[in-house]
Amino acid sequence: MTKLIIQIPCFNEAETLPETLVALPRRIEGIDRIEVLVIDDGSHDGTAEVARRFGAHHIVRHRRNRGLAAAFQSGLDAALAAGADIIVNTDADGQYEGADIARLVAPVIAHQADIVIGDRGVASNAHFGPFKRLLQRAGSSVVRRLSRTDVTDAVSGFRAISRAAAQRITITTEFSYTTDMLIQAGRKRLKIVSVPIRTHAAVRPSRLFTSIPQFITRQLMTMARAYATYNPLRTFALIGTTLAVIGLLPILRFLYFWATGDGDGHVQSLVLGGSLLVLGVVTGLLGVLADQIGTNRKLLEEALFALRRLEDERAAAPRDDLPGDSPAASPARPLRILKR
């Protein structure tokens, strides 16, 4: 029995959520059961009540607004706990076409991909302005290099994730999960593909950021942080080498003047160069330490993945007190409301 859970992170989406929920598919070839999970990220407009009225099977409620990244991770955790074999993430504002979920999950059903990203066709999308197209294409190009993937629309929130891939993903950023997730998945050698999807015009301004400069700054910080997490030695070695090379320049300058008999007036060059050289060496040593910490992180991630697999096996095993009980034979679960 293949279960698909469609998760929808929400923050004050009571007005647009009903239309989004109604547009979701009820049947998809290769999927036995479809359930809807709404993550209410501290809304104060009755979003959770709207989700309940329109048939959401699971609701996760944050007591206060924690941001999109935290809402996405809460959704993954809840979907895994609810037995999802495939998880689809979509927005509550109706930007994505609900019928395209079937196209999104097809590669996962066919075991051709671990993660599928919905490609909005940024270069020719009529709903994007020229500057936004340029910005999205430039950002996707950077993420492709950092993650070593061929994703054409890196910040698309419309994506499908297999259960095994979701068990390996842990979002650590506090801003947006899109780039952090892709860099993680690429470095963990998960199979990622893109499929073309349809989009609708935005019905309201983004609540994730208030200005384009803020969005660019936060995305760059997320990319740098994620890259440094998975490539610490290379990152610190590059910074340390740069500092050391810069430090060598004033030292060479001092040596030149010293060799020509005029070194007394240029001691400051020696001090500055020596300081930068020492700083570069220390930075390189920090890279070695960070690389060792990264090794421990990998071991912890493998332990967490193994723990999640053991939980799956325990949930799938028949219970002694209820003979014949199994996830496939169990009746549909009632509405679940989790508070975090």
C-alpha atoms as a PDB file:
ATOM      1  CA  MET A   1       0.000   0.000   0.000  1.00  0.00           C
ATOM      2  CA  THR A   2       1.577   3.283  -1.137  1.00  0.00           C
ATOM      3  CA  LYS A   3       0.555   6.327   0.882  1.00  0.00           C
ATOM      4  CA  LEU A   4       1.041   9.890  -0.332  1.00  0.00           C
ATOM      5  CA  ILE A   5       0.841  12.742   2.153  1.00  0.00           C
ATOM      6  CA  ILE A   6       0.551  16.260   0.758  1.00  0.00           C
ATOM      7  CA  GLN A   7       1.903  18.748   3.279  1.00  0.00           C
ATOM      8  CA  ILE A   8       1.011  22.432   3.211  1.00  0.00           C
ATOM      9  CA  PRO A   9       2.902  24.890   5.468  1.00  0.00           C
ATOM     10  CA  CYS A  10       0.604  27.774   6.399  1.00  0.00           C
ATOM     11  CA  PHE A  11       0.811  31.105   8.142  1.00  0.00           C
ATOM     12  CA  ASN A  12      -2.465  33.037   8.173  1.00  0.00           C
ATOM     13  CA  GLU A  13      -3.757  31.302   5.028  1.00  0.00           C
ATOM     14  CA  ALA A  14      -7.428  30.947   6.017  1.00  0.00           C
ATOM     15  CA  GLU A  15      -8.506  32.908   2.941  1.00  0.00           C
ATOM     16  CA  THR A  16      -6.563  30.998   0.272  1.00  0.00           C
ATOM     17  CA  LEU A  17      -6.295  27.543   1.883  1.00  0.00           C
ATOM     18  CA  PRO A  18      -9.803  26.291   0.936  1.00  0.00           C
ATOM     19  CA  GLU A  19      -9.188  26.725  -2.794  1.00  0.00           C
ATOM     20  CA  THR A  20      -5.810  25.019  -2.483  1.00  0.00           C
ATOM     21  CA  LEU A  21      -7.303  22.047  -0.612  1.00  0.00           C
ATOM     22  CA  VAL A  22     -10.171  21.646  -3.091  1.00  0.00           C
ATOM     23  CA  ALA A  23      -7.710  21.597  -6.026  1.00  0.00           C
ATOM     24  CA  LEU A  24      -5.682  18.701  -4.602  1.00  0.00           C
ATOM     25  CA  PRO A  25      -6.064  15.370  -6.436  1.00  0.00           C
ATOM     26  CA  ARG A  26      -8.066  12.604  -4.781  1.00  0.00           C
ATOM     27  CA  ARG A  27      -6.687   9.760  -6.890  1.00  0.00           C
ATOM     28  CA  ILE A  28      -3.318   9.201  -8.554  1.00  0.00           C
ATOM     29  CA  GLU A  29      -2.240   6.125 -10.464  1.00  0.00           C
ATOM     30  CA  GLY A  30       0.211   4.103  -8.398  1.00  0.00           C
ATOM     31  CA  ILE A  31      -0.966   5.670  -5.118  1.00  0.00           C
ATOM     32  CA  ASP A  32      -3.323   3.729  -2.864  1.00  0.00           C
ATOM     33  CA  ARG A  33      -4.108   6.456  -0.356  1.00  0.00           C
ATOM     34  CA  ILE A  34      -3.778  10.255  -0.366  1.00  0.00           C
ATOM     35  CA  GLU A  35      -3.829  12.264   2.847  1.00  0.00           C
ATOM     36  CA  VAL A  36      -3.421  15.980   3.533  1.00  0.00           C
ATOM     37  CA  LEU A  37      -1.231  17.439   6.271  1.00  0.00           C
ATOM     38  CA  VAL A  38      -1.515  21.133   7.160  1.00  0.00           C
ATOM     39  CA  ILE A  39       1.203  22.802   9.239  1.00  0.00           C
ATOM     40  CA  ASP A  40      -0.270  25.840  10.989  1.00  0.00           C
ATOM     41  CA  ASP A  41       2.801  27.926  11.780  1.00  0.00           C
ATOM     42  CA  GLY A  42       1.354  30.050  14.587  1.00  0.00           C
ATOM     43  CA  SER A  43      -1.528  31.486  12.553  1.00  0.00           C
ATOM     44  CA  HIS A  44      -4.073  33.731  14.263  1.00  0.00           C
ATOM     45  CA  ASP A  45      -6.753  33.807  11.554  1.00  0.00           C
ATOM     46  CA  GLY A  46      -8.298  30.361  12.058  1.00  0.00           C
ATOM     47  CA  THR A  47      -6.161  28.512   9.506  1.00  0.00           C
ATOM     48  CA  ALA A  48      -6.306  25.254  11.476  1.00  0.00           C
ATOM     49  CA  GLU A  49     -10.100  25.411  11.732  1.00  0.00           C
ATOM     50  CA  VAL A  50     -10.371  25.982   7.974  1.00  0.00           C
ATOM     51  CA  ALA A  51      -8.082  23.008   7.340  1.00  0.00           C
ATOM     52  CA  ARG A  52     -10.257  20.839   9.567  1.00  0.00           C
ATOM     53  CA  ARG A  53     -13.481  21.895   7.810  1.00  0.00           C
ATOM     54  CA  PHE A  54     -12.035  21.175   4.378  1.00  0.00           C
ATOM     55  CA  GLY A  55     -10.934  17.657   5.185  1.00  0.00           C
ATOM     56  CA  ALA A  56      -7.274  17.779   6.237  1.00  0.00           C
ATOM     57  CA  HIS A  57      -6.301  14.425   7.724  1.00  0.00           C
ATOM     58  CA  HIS A  58      -3.468  15.759   9.895  1.00  0.00           C
ATOM     59  CA  ILE A  59      -2.833  19.187  11.419  1.00  0.00           C
ATOM     60  CA  VAL A  60       0.396  20.273  13.090  1.00  0.00           C
ATOM     61  CA  ARG A  61       0.099  23.502  15.056  1.00  0.00           C
ATOM     62  CA  HIS A  62       3.033  25.628  16.154  1.00  0.00           C
ATOM     63  CA  ARG A  63       2.215  27.674  19.246  1.00  0.00           C
ATOM     64  CA  ARG A  64       3.987  30.650  17.671  1.00  0.00           C
ATOM     65  CA  ASN A  65       5.351  31.487  14.239  1.00  0.00           C
ATOM     66  CA  ARG A  66       8.651  29.654  13.736  1.00  0.00           C
ATOM     67  CA  GLY A  67       9.251  30.282  10.040  1.00  0.00           C
ATOM     68  CA  LEU A  68       8.888  28.328   6.819  1.00  0.00           C
ATOM     69  CA  ALA A  69      11.934  26.108   7.358  1.00  0.00           C
ATOM     70  CA  ALA A  70      10.710  24.930  10.774  1.00  0.00           C
ATOM     71  CA  ALA A  71       7.204  24.369   9.397  1.00  0.00           C
ATOM     72  CA  PHE A  72       8.599  22.280   6.548  1.00  0.00           C
ATOM     73  CA  GLN A  73      10.646  20.126   8.937  1.00  0.00           C
ATOM     74  CA  SER A  74       7.661  19.680  11.253  1.00  0.00           C
ATOM     75  CA  GLY A  75       5.682  18.521   8.236  1.00  0.00           C
ATOM     76  CA  LEU A  76       8.322  15.973   7.260  1.00  0.00           C
ATOM     77  CA  ASP A  77       8.452  14.597  10.806  1.00  0.00           C
ATOM     78  CA  ALA A  78       4.671  14.334  11.052  1.00  0.00           C
ATOM     79  CA  ALA A  79       4.319  12.785   7.582  1.00  0.00           C
ATOM     80  CA  LEU A  80       6.936  10.143   8.373  1.00  0.00           C
ATOM     81  CA  ALA A  81       5.210   9.379  11.677  1.00  0.00           C
ATOM     82  CA  ALA A  82       1.909   9.016   9.798  1.00  0.00           C
ATOM     83  CA  GLY A  83       3.430   6.380   7.499  1.00  0.00           C
ATOM     84  CA  ALA A  84       3.939   8.402   4.304  1.00  0.00           C
ATOM     85  CA  ASP A  85       5.754   6.591   1.499  1.00  0.00           C
ATOM     86  CA  ILE A  86       5.898   9.787  -0.565  1.00  0.00           C
ATOM     87  CA  ILE A  87       5.650  13.365   0.697  1.00  0.00           C
ATOM     88  CA  VAL A  88       4.663  16.276  -1.523  1.00  0.00           C
ATOM     89  CA  ASN A  89       5.179  19.849  -0.345  1.00  0.00           C
ATOM     90  CA  THR A  90       3.059  22.611  -1.841  1.00  0.00           C
ATOM     91  CA  ASP A  91       2.154  26.202  -0.972  1.00  0.00           C
ATOM     92  CA  ALA A  92      -1.126  27.318   0.555  1.00  0.00           C
ATOM     93  CA  ASP A  93      -1.525  30.365  -1.694  1.00  0.00           C
ATOM     94  CA  GLY A  94      -2.500  28.352  -4.774  1.00  0.00           C
ATOM     95  CA  GLN A  95       0.621  29.215  -6.768  1.00  0.00           C
ATOM     96  CA  TYR A  96       1.015  25.609  -7.932  1.00  0.00           C
ATOM     97  CA  GLU A  97      -1.454  23.543  -9.953  1.00  0.00           C
ATOM     98  CA  GLY A  98      -2.806  20.762  -7.751  1.00  0.00           C
ATOM     99  CA  ALA A  99      -3.297  18.409 -10.701  1.00  0.00           C
ATOM    100  CA  ASP A 100       0.453  18.498 -11.363  1.00  0.00           C
ATOM    101  CA  ILE A 101       1.098  16.496  -8.193  1.00  0.00           C
ATOM    102  CA  ALA A 102       0.567  13.355 -10.276  1.00  0.00           C
ATOM    103  CA  ARG A 103       3.350  14.493 -12.606  1.00  0.00           C
ATOM    104  CA  LEU A 104       5.534  15.331  -9.619  1.00  0.00           C
ATOM    105  CA  VAL A 105       5.298  11.947  -7.893  1.00  0.00           C
ATOM    106  CA  ALA A 106       5.594   9.820 -11.056  1.00  0.00           C
ATOM    107  CA  PRO A 107       9.434   9.519 -10.968  1.00  0.00           C
ATOM    108  CA  VAL A 108       9.313   8.548  -7.288  1.00  0.00           C
ATOM    109  CA  ILE A 109       6.645   5.906  -7.912  1.00  0.00           C
ATOM    110  CA  ALA A 110       8.770   4.517 -10.755  1.00  0.00           C
ATOM    111  CA  HIS A 111      11.843   4.449  -8.444  1.00  0.00           C
ATOM    112  CA  GLN A 112      13.662   6.811 -10.814  1.00  0.00           C
ATOM    113  CA  ALA A 113      14.228   9.594  -8.281  1.00  0.00           C
ATOM    114  CA  ASP A 114      14.483  10.263  -4.555  1.00  0.00           C
ATOM    115  CA  ILE A 115      13.450  13.908  -4.844  1.00  0.00           C
ATOM    116  CA  VAL A 116      11.510  15.636  -7.617  1.00  0.00           C
ATOM    117  CA  ILE A 117      11.486  19.428  -7.978  1.00  0.00           C
ATOM    118  CA  GLY A 118       8.703  21.202  -9.834  1.00  0.00           C
ATOM    119  CA  ASP A 119      10.277  23.408 -12.509  1.00  0.00           C
ATOM    120  CA  ARG A 120       8.228  26.582 -12.965  1.00  0.00           C
ATOM    121  CA  GLY A 121       9.969  27.435 -16.230  1.00  0.00           C
ATOM    122  CA  VAL A 122      11.500  30.569 -14.759  1.00  0.00           C
ATOM    123  CA  ALA A 123      13.025  31.749 -18.044  1.00  0.00           C
ATOM    124  CA  SER A 124       9.635  31.980 -19.764  1.00  0.00           C
ATOM    125  CA  ASN A 125       7.108  32.123 -16.915  1.00  0.00           C
ATOM    126  CA  ALA A 126       4.614  34.897 -17.608  1.00  0.00           C
ATOM    127  CA  HIS A 127       3.974  35.367 -13.872  1.00  0.00           C
ATOM    128  CA  PHE A 128       7.584  36.427 -13.226  1.00  0.00           C
ATOM    129  CA  GLY A 129       8.996  39.845 -14.025  1.00  0.00           C
ATOM    130  CA  PRO A 130      12.329  40.232 -15.891  1.00  0.00           C
ATOM    131  CA  PHE A 131      14.322  40.950 -12.720  1.00  0.00           C
ATOM    132  CA  LYS A 132      12.799  38.008 -10.861  1.00  0.00           C
ATOM    133  CA  ARG A 133      13.592  35.708 -13.790  1.00  0.00           C
ATOM    134  CA  LEU A 134      17.220  36.853 -13.790  1.00  0.00           C
ATOM    135  CA  LEU A 135      17.457  36.489 -10.017  1.00  0.00           C
ATOM    136  CA  GLN A 136      15.940  33.003  -9.983  1.00  0.00           C
ATOM    137  CA  ARG A 137      18.165  31.766 -12.806  1.00  0.00           C
ATOM    138  CA  ALA A 138      21.303  33.150 -11.159  1.00  0.00           C
ATOM    139  CA  GLY A 139      20.361  31.624  -7.804  1.00  0.00           C
ATOM    140  CA  SER A 140      19.603  28.235  -9.336  1.00  0.00           C
ATOM    141  CA  SER A 141      22.953  28.282 -11.127  1.00  0.00           C
ATOM    142  CA  VAL A 142      24.802  28.855  -7.838  1.00  0.00           C
ATOM    143  CA  VAL A 143      22.830  26.116  -6.054  1.00  0.00           C
ATOM    144  CA  ARG A 144      23.547  23.674  -8.895  1.00  0.00           C
ATOM    145  CA  ARG A 145      27.259  24.206  -8.409  1.00  0.00           C
ATOM    146  CA  LEU A 146      27.110  23.956  -4.628  1.00  0.00           C
ATOM    147  CA  SER A 147      24.875  20.875  -4.588  1.00  0.00           C
ATOM    148  CA  ARG A 148      26.363  19.184  -7.670  1.00  0.00           C
ATOM    149  CA  THR A 149      22.905  18.643  -9.135  1.00  0.00           C
ATOM    150  CA  ASP A 150      21.110  19.610 -12.352  1.00  0.00           C
ATOM    151  CA  VAL A 151      18.101  21.283 -10.721  1.00  0.00           C
ATOM    152  CA  THR A 152      16.778  24.081 -12.908  1.00  0.00           C
ATOM    153  CA  ASP A 153      14.525  25.794 -10.340  1.00  0.00           C
ATOM    154  CA  ALA A 154      16.280  25.552  -6.975  1.00  0.00           C
ATOM    155  CA  VAL A 155      13.853  27.630  -4.899  1.00  0.00           C
ATOM    156  CA  SER A 156      10.664  25.956  -6.088  1.00  0.00           C
ATOM    157  CA  GLY A 157       8.679  24.797  -3.060  1.00  0.00           C
ATOM    158  CA  PHE A 158       6.661  22.292  -5.111  1.00  0.00           C
ATOM    159  CA  ARG A 159       8.551  19.047  -4.581  1.00  0.00           C
ATOM    160  CA  ALA A 160       8.058  15.338  -3.963  1.00  0.00           C
ATOM    161  CA  ILE A 161      10.252  13.341  -1.590  1.00  0.00           C
ATOM    162  CA  SER A 162      10.485   9.603  -1.101  1.00  0.00           C
ATOM    163  CA  ARG A 163      10.290   8.243   2.428  1.00  0.00           C
ATOM    164  CA  ALA A 164      13.941   7.164   2.426  1.00  0.00           C
ATOM    165  CA  ALA A 165      15.059  10.627   1.262  1.00  0.00           C
ATOM    166  CA  ALA A 166      12.901  12.383   3.866  1.00  0.00           C
ATOM    167  CA  GLN A 167      14.490  10.237   6.563  1.00  0.00           C
ATOM    168  CA  ARG A 168      17.922  11.536   5.497  1.00  0.00           C
ATOM    169  CA  ILE A 169      16.967  15.219   5.366  1.00  0.00           C
ATOM    170  CA  THR A 170      17.178  17.467   8.426  1.00  0.00           C
ATOM    171  CA  ILE A 171      16.626  21.169   7.796  1.00  0.00           C
ATOM    172  CA  THR A 172      18.931  23.336   9.901  1.00  0.00           C
ATOM    173  CA  THR A 173      18.382  26.800   8.447  1.00  0.00           C
ATOM    174  CA  GLU A 174      15.851  29.203   9.965  1.00  0.00           C
ATOM    175  CA  PHE A 175      14.948  30.969   6.708  1.00  0.00           C
ATOM    176  CA  SER A 176      13.994  28.807   3.726  1.00  0.00           C
ATOM    177  CA  TYR A 177      14.366  25.058   3.379  1.00  0.00           C
ATOM    178  CA  THR A 178      14.675  24.975  -0.431  1.00  0.00           C
ATOM    179  CA  THR A 179      18.393  25.569  -0.954  1.00  0.00           C
ATOM    180  CA  ASP A 180      19.460  23.914   2.311  1.00  0.00           C
ATOM    181  CA  MET A 181      17.556  20.767   1.367  1.00  0.00           C
ATOM    182  CA  LEU A 182      19.037  20.614  -2.138  1.00  0.00           C
ATOM    183  CA  ILE A 183      22.620  21.068  -0.954  1.00  0.00           C
ATOM    184  CA  GLN A 184      22.084  18.357   1.668  1.00  0.00           C
ATOM    185  CA  ALA A 185      20.495  15.982  -0.837  1.00  0.00           C
ATOM    186  CA  GLY A 186      23.168  16.598  -3.463  1.00  0.00           C
ATOM    187  CA  ARG A 187      25.999  15.984  -1.011  1.00  0.00           C
ATOM    188  CA  LYS A 188      24.288  12.812   0.204  1.00  0.00           C
ATOM    189  CA  ARG A 189      24.142  11.551  -3.391  1.00  0.00           C
ATOM    190  CA  LEU A 190      20.355  11.361  -3.551  1.00  0.00           C
ATOM    191  CA  LYS A 191      18.834  11.218  -7.028  1.00  0.00           C
ATOM    192  CA  ILE A 192      17.170  14.555  -7.837  1.00  0.00           C
ATOM    193  CA  VAL A 193      15.215  15.321 -11.014  1.00  0.00           C
ATOM    194  CA  SER A 194      13.065  18.196 -12.255  1.00  0.00           C
ATOM    195  CA  VAL A 195       9.698  18.064 -13.996  1.00  0.00           C
ATOM    196  CA  PRO A 196       7.863  20.978 -15.644  1.00  0.00           C
ATOM    197  CA  ILE A 197       4.825  22.270 -13.760  1.00  0.00           C
ATOM    198  CA  ARG A 198       2.199  24.954 -14.178  1.00  0.00           C
ATOM    199  CA  THR A 199       1.855  27.987 -11.927  1.00  0.00           C
ATOM    200  CA  HIS A 200      -0.723  30.622 -11.151  1.00  0.00           C
ATOM    201  CA  ALA A 201      -0.219  34.325 -10.563  1.00  0.00           C
ATOM    202  CA  ALA A 202       0.634  35.301  -6.992  1.00  0.00           C
ATOM    203  CA  VAL A 203      -2.430  36.465  -5.072  1.00  0.00           C
ATOM    204  CA  ARG A 204      -0.418  38.334  -2.410  1.00  0.00           C
ATOM    205  CA  PRO A 205       3.158  39.462  -1.686  1.00  0.00           C
ATOM    206  CA  SER A 206       5.532  36.891  -0.238  1.00  0.00           C
ATOM    207  CA  ARG A 207       5.550  36.585   3.555  1.00  0.00           C
ATOM    208  CA  LEU A 208       8.967  34.970   3.568  1.00  0.00           C
ATOM    209  CA  PHE A 209      10.797  38.248   2.925  1.00  0.00           C
ATOM    210  CA  THR A 210       9.944  41.949   2.802  1.00  0.00           C
ATOM    211  CA  SER A 211      12.359  43.063   0.063  1.00  0.00           C
ATOM    212  CA  ILE A 212      14.516  41.636  -2.712  1.00  0.00           C
ATOM    213  CA  PRO A 213      17.812  42.657  -1.006  1.00  0.00           C
ATOM    214  CA  GLN A 214      16.690  40.854   2.164  1.00  0.00           C
ATOM    215  CA  PHE A 215      15.808  37.751   0.162  1.00  0.00           C
ATOM    216  CA  ILE A 216      19.174  37.753  -1.636  1.00  0.00           C
ATOM    217  CA  THR A 217      21.110  38.277   1.597  1.00  0.00           C
ATOM    218  CA  ARG A 218      19.313  35.486   3.432  1.00  0.00           C
ATOM    219  CA  GLN A 219      19.610  33.052   0.541  1.00  0.00           C
ATOM    220  CA  LEU A 220      23.329  33.740   0.193  1.00  0.00           C
ATOM    221  CA  MET A 221      23.791  33.192   3.931  1.00  0.00           C
ATOM    222  CA  THR A 222      21.832  29.926   3.724  1.00  0.00           C
ATOM    223  CA  MET A 223      23.919  28.713   0.773  1.00  0.00           C
ATOM    224  CA  ALA A 224      27.210  29.649   2.435  1.00  0.00           C
ATOM    225  CA  ARG A 225      26.213  28.007   5.699  1.00  0.00           C
ATOM    226  CA  ALA A 226      25.019  24.810   4.040  1.00  0.00           C
ATOM    227  CA  TYR A 227      28.111  24.586   1.836  1.00  0.00           C
ATOM    228  CA  ALA A 228      30.454  25.155   4.793  1.00  0.00           C
ATOM    229  CA  THR A 229      28.585  22.477   6.753  1.00  0.00           C
ATOM    230  CA  TYR A 230      29.208  19.816   4.114  1.00  0.00           C
ATOM    231  CA  ASN A 231      32.599  21.079   2.879  1.00  0.00           C
ATOM    232  CA  PRO A 232      34.281  22.531   5.991  1.00  0.00           C
ATOM    233  CA  LEU A 233      37.880  21.686   5.143  1.00  0.00           C
ATOM    234  CA  ARG A 234      37.664  23.150   1.643  1.00  0.00           C
ATOM    235  CA  THR A 235      35.880  26.269   2.917  1.00  0.00           C
ATOM    236  CA  PHE A 236      38.322  27.034   5.733  1.00  0.00           C
ATOM    237  CA  ALA A 237      41.329  26.088   3.616  1.00  0.00           C
ATOM    238  CA  LEU A 238      40.250  28.571   0.943  1.00  0.00           C
ATOM    239  CA  ILE A 239      39.768  31.342   3.512  1.00  0.00           C
ATOM    240  CA  GLY A 240      43.038  30.512   5.272  1.00  0.00           C
ATOM    241  CA  THR A 241      45.031  30.367   2.042  1.00  0.00           C
ATOM    242  CA  THR A 242      43.598  33.709   0.928  1.00  0.00           C
ATOM    243  CA  LEU A 243      44.582  35.347   4.225  1.00  0.00           C
ATOM    244  CA  ALA A 244      48.066  33.803   4.092  1.00  0.00           C
ATOM    245  CA  VAL A 245      48.686  34.975   0.516  1.00  0.00           C
ATOM    246  CA  ILE A 246      47.516  38.492   1.375  1.00  0.00           C
ATOM    247  CA  GLY A 247      49.788  38.388   4.433  1.00  0.00           C
ATOM    248  CA  LEU A 248      52.794  37.421   2.319  1.00  0.00           C
ATOM    249  CA  LEU A 249      52.500  40.587   0.220  1.00  0.00           C
ATOM    250  CA  PRO A 250      53.455  43.105   2.957  1.00  0.00           C
ATOM    251  CA  ILE A 251      56.120  40.678   4.222  1.00  0.00           C
ATOM    252  CA  LEU A 252      57.685  40.585   0.740  1.00  0.00           C
ATOM    253  CA  ARG A 253      57.398  44.368   0.638  1.00  0.00           C
ATOM    254  CA  PHE A 254      59.312  44.630   3.912  1.00  0.00           C
ATOM    255  CA  LEU A 255      61.967  42.181   2.706  1.00  0.00           C
ATOM    256  CA  TYR A 256      62.466  44.250  -0.438  1.00  0.00           C
ATOM    257  CA  PHE A 257      63.048  47.446   1.496  1.00  0.00           C
ATOM    258  CA  TRP A 258      65.206  45.611   4.041  1.00  0.00           C
ATOM    259  CA  ALA A 259      67.374  44.196   1.252  1.00  0.00           C
ATOM    260  CA  THR A 260      67.851  47.685  -0.148  1.00  0.00           C
ATOM    261  CA  GLY A 261      68.848  49.053   3.262  1.00  0.00           C
ATOM    262  CA  ASP A 262      65.581  50.891   3.992  1.00  0.00           C
ATOM    263  CA  GLY A 263      63.834  48.376   6.257  1.00  0.00           C
ATOM    264  CA  ASP A 264      63.656  50.518   9.429  1.00  0.00           C
ATOM    265  CA  GLY A 265      60.682  52.547   8.220  1.00  0.00           C
ATOM    266  CA  HIS A 266      58.599  49.610   7.076  1.00  0.00           C
ATOM    267  CA  VAL A 267      58.304  47.425  10.180  1.00  0.00           C
ATOM    268  CA  GLN A 268      54.520  47.907  10.101  1.00  0.00           C
ATOM    269  CA  SER A 269      54.403  45.877   6.877  1.00  0.00           C
ATOM    270  CA  LEU A 270      56.126  43.006   8.678  1.00  0.00           C
ATOM    271  CA  VAL A 271      53.669  43.227  11.599  1.00  0.00           C
ATOM    272  CA  LEU A 272      50.623  43.329   9.336  1.00  0.00           C
ATOM    273  CA  GLY A 273      51.862  40.525   7.101  1.00  0.00           C
ATOM    274  CA  GLY A 274      52.832  38.334  10.045  1.00  0.00           C
ATOM    275  CA  SER A 275      49.429  38.820  11.653  1.00  0.00           C
ATOM    276  CA  LEU A 276      47.599  37.851   8.465  1.00  0.00           C
ATOM    277  CA  LEU A 277      49.883  34.876   7.931  1.00  0.00           C
ATOM    278  CA  VAL A 278      49.245  33.577  11.463  1.00  0.00           C
ATOM    279  CA  LEU A 279      45.511  34.177  11.017  1.00  0.00           C
ATOM    280  CA  GLY A 280      45.569  32.173   7.794  1.00  0.00           C
ATOM    281  CA  VAL A 281      47.334  29.247   9.463  1.00  0.00           C
ATOM    282  CA  VAL A 282      44.880  29.299  12.397  1.00  0.00           C
ATOM    283  CA  THR A 283      41.960  29.346   9.956  1.00  0.00           C
ATOM    284  CA  GLY A 284      43.389  26.320   8.177  1.00  0.00           C
ATOM    285  CA  LEU A 285      43.704  24.470  11.482  1.00  0.00           C
ATOM    286  CA  LEU A 286      40.079  25.361  12.268  1.00  0.00           C
ATOM    287  CA  GLY A 287      39.194  23.753   8.942  1.00  0.00           C
ATOM    288  CA  VAL A 288      40.829  20.509  10.036  1.00  0.00           C
ATOM    289  CA  LEU A 289      38.851  20.641  13.290  1.00  0.00           C
ATOM    290  CA  ALA A 290      35.623  21.427  11.428  1.00  0.00           C
ATOM    291  CA  ASP A 291      36.269  18.495   9.103  1.00  0.00           C
ATOM    292  CA  GLN A 292      36.524  16.171  12.110  1.00  0.00           C
ATOM    293  CA  ILE A 293      33.274  17.610  13.466  1.00  0.00           C
ATOM    294  CA  GLY A 294      31.749  16.996  10.040  1.00  0.00           C
ATOM    295  CA  THR A 295      32.753  13.344  10.282  1.00  0.00           C
ATOM    296  CA  ASN A 296      30.927  13.088  13.602  1.00  0.00           C
ATOM    297  CA  ARG A 297      27.904  14.771  12.026  1.00  0.00           C
ATOM    298  CA  LYS A 298      27.825  12.134   9.290  1.00  0.00           C
ATOM    299  CA  LEU A 299      27.917   9.389  11.910  1.00  0.00           C
ATOM    300  CA  LEU A 300      25.037  11.048  13.775  1.00  0.00           C
ATOM    301  CA  GLU A 301      23.041  11.357  10.554  1.00  0.00           C
ATOM    302  CA  GLU A 302      23.567   7.667   9.814  1.00  0.00           C
ATOM    303  CA  ALA A 303      22.507   6.799  13.368  1.00  0.00           C
ATOM    304  CA  LEU A 304      19.367   8.934  13.001  1.00  0.00           C
ATOM    305  CA  PHE A 305      18.562   7.297   9.667  1.00  0.00           C
ATOM    306  CA  ALA A 306      19.029   3.832  11.188  1.00  0.00           C
ATOM    307  CA  LEU A 307      16.767   4.807  14.109  1.00  0.00           C
ATOM    308  CA  ARG A 308      14.041   5.952  11.725  1.00  0.00           C
ATOM    309  CA  ARG A 309      14.295   2.689   9.793  1.00  0.00           C
ATOM    310  CA  LEU A 310      13.992   0.725  13.031  1.00  0.00           C
ATOM    311  CA  GLU A 311      10.874   2.725  13.888  1.00  0.00           C
ATOM    312  CA  ASP A 312       9.454   1.805  10.472  1.00  0.00           C
ATOM    313  CA  GLU A 313      10.122  -1.882  11.078  1.00  0.00           C
ATOM    314  CA  ARG A 314       8.551  -1.701  14.514  1.00  0.00           C
ATOM    315  CA  ALA A 315       5.448   0.033  13.152  1.00  0.00           C
ATOM    316  CA  ALA A 316       5.118  -2.532  10.343  1.00  0.00           C
ATOM    317  CA  ALA A 317       5.479  -5.566  12.628  1.00  0.00           C
ATOM    318  CA  PRO A 318       2.211  -7.241  13.734  1.00  0.00           C
ATOM    319  CA  ARG A 319       1.312  -6.594  17.362  1.00  0.00           C
ATOM    320  CA  ASP A 320       0.968  -9.546  19.715  1.00  0.00           C
ATOM    321  CA  ASP A 321      -2.107  -8.119  21.417  1.00  0.00           C
ATOM    322  CA  LEU A 322      -3.886  -7.496  18.091  1.00  0.00           C
ATOM    323  CA  PRO A 323      -3.319 -10.497  15.783  1.00  0.00           C
ATOM    324  CA  GLY A 324      -3.272  -9.608  12.119  1.00  0.00           C
ATOM    325  CA  ASP A 325      -2.957  -5.901  12.766  1.00  0.00           C
ATOM    326  CA  SER A 326      -0.748  -4.124  10.201  1.00  0.00           C
ATOM    327  CA  PRO A 327      -0.615  -0.701   8.546  1.00  0.00           C
ATOM    328  CA  ALA A 328      -2.228  -2.091   5.388  1.00  0.00           C
ATOM    329  CA  ALA A 329      -5.087  -3.664   7.309  1.00  0.00           C
ATOM    330  CA  SER A 330      -5.662  -0.829   9.766  1.00  0.00           C
ATOM    331  CA  PRO A 331      -8.588   1.526   9.175  1.00  0.00           C
ATOM    332  CA  ALA A 332      -7.932   5.113   8.112  1.00  0.00           C
ATOM    333  CA  ARG A 333      -6.618   7.243  10.921  1.00  0.00           C
ATOM    334  CA  PRO A 334      -8.860  10.021  12.232  1.00  0.00           C
ATOM    335  CA  LEU A 335      -7.853  13.666  12.137  1.00  0.00           C
ATOM    336  CA  ARG A 336      -4.645  14.156  14.103  1.00  0.00           C
ATOM    337  CA  ILE A 337      -3.763  17.517  15.621  1.00  0.00           C
ATOM    338  CA  LEU A 338      -0.224  17.875  16.930  1.00  0.00           C
ATOM    339  CA  LYS A 339       0.955  20.939  18.839  1.00  0.00           C
ATOM    340  CA  ARG A 340       4.595  21.993  18.983  1.00  0.00           C
END
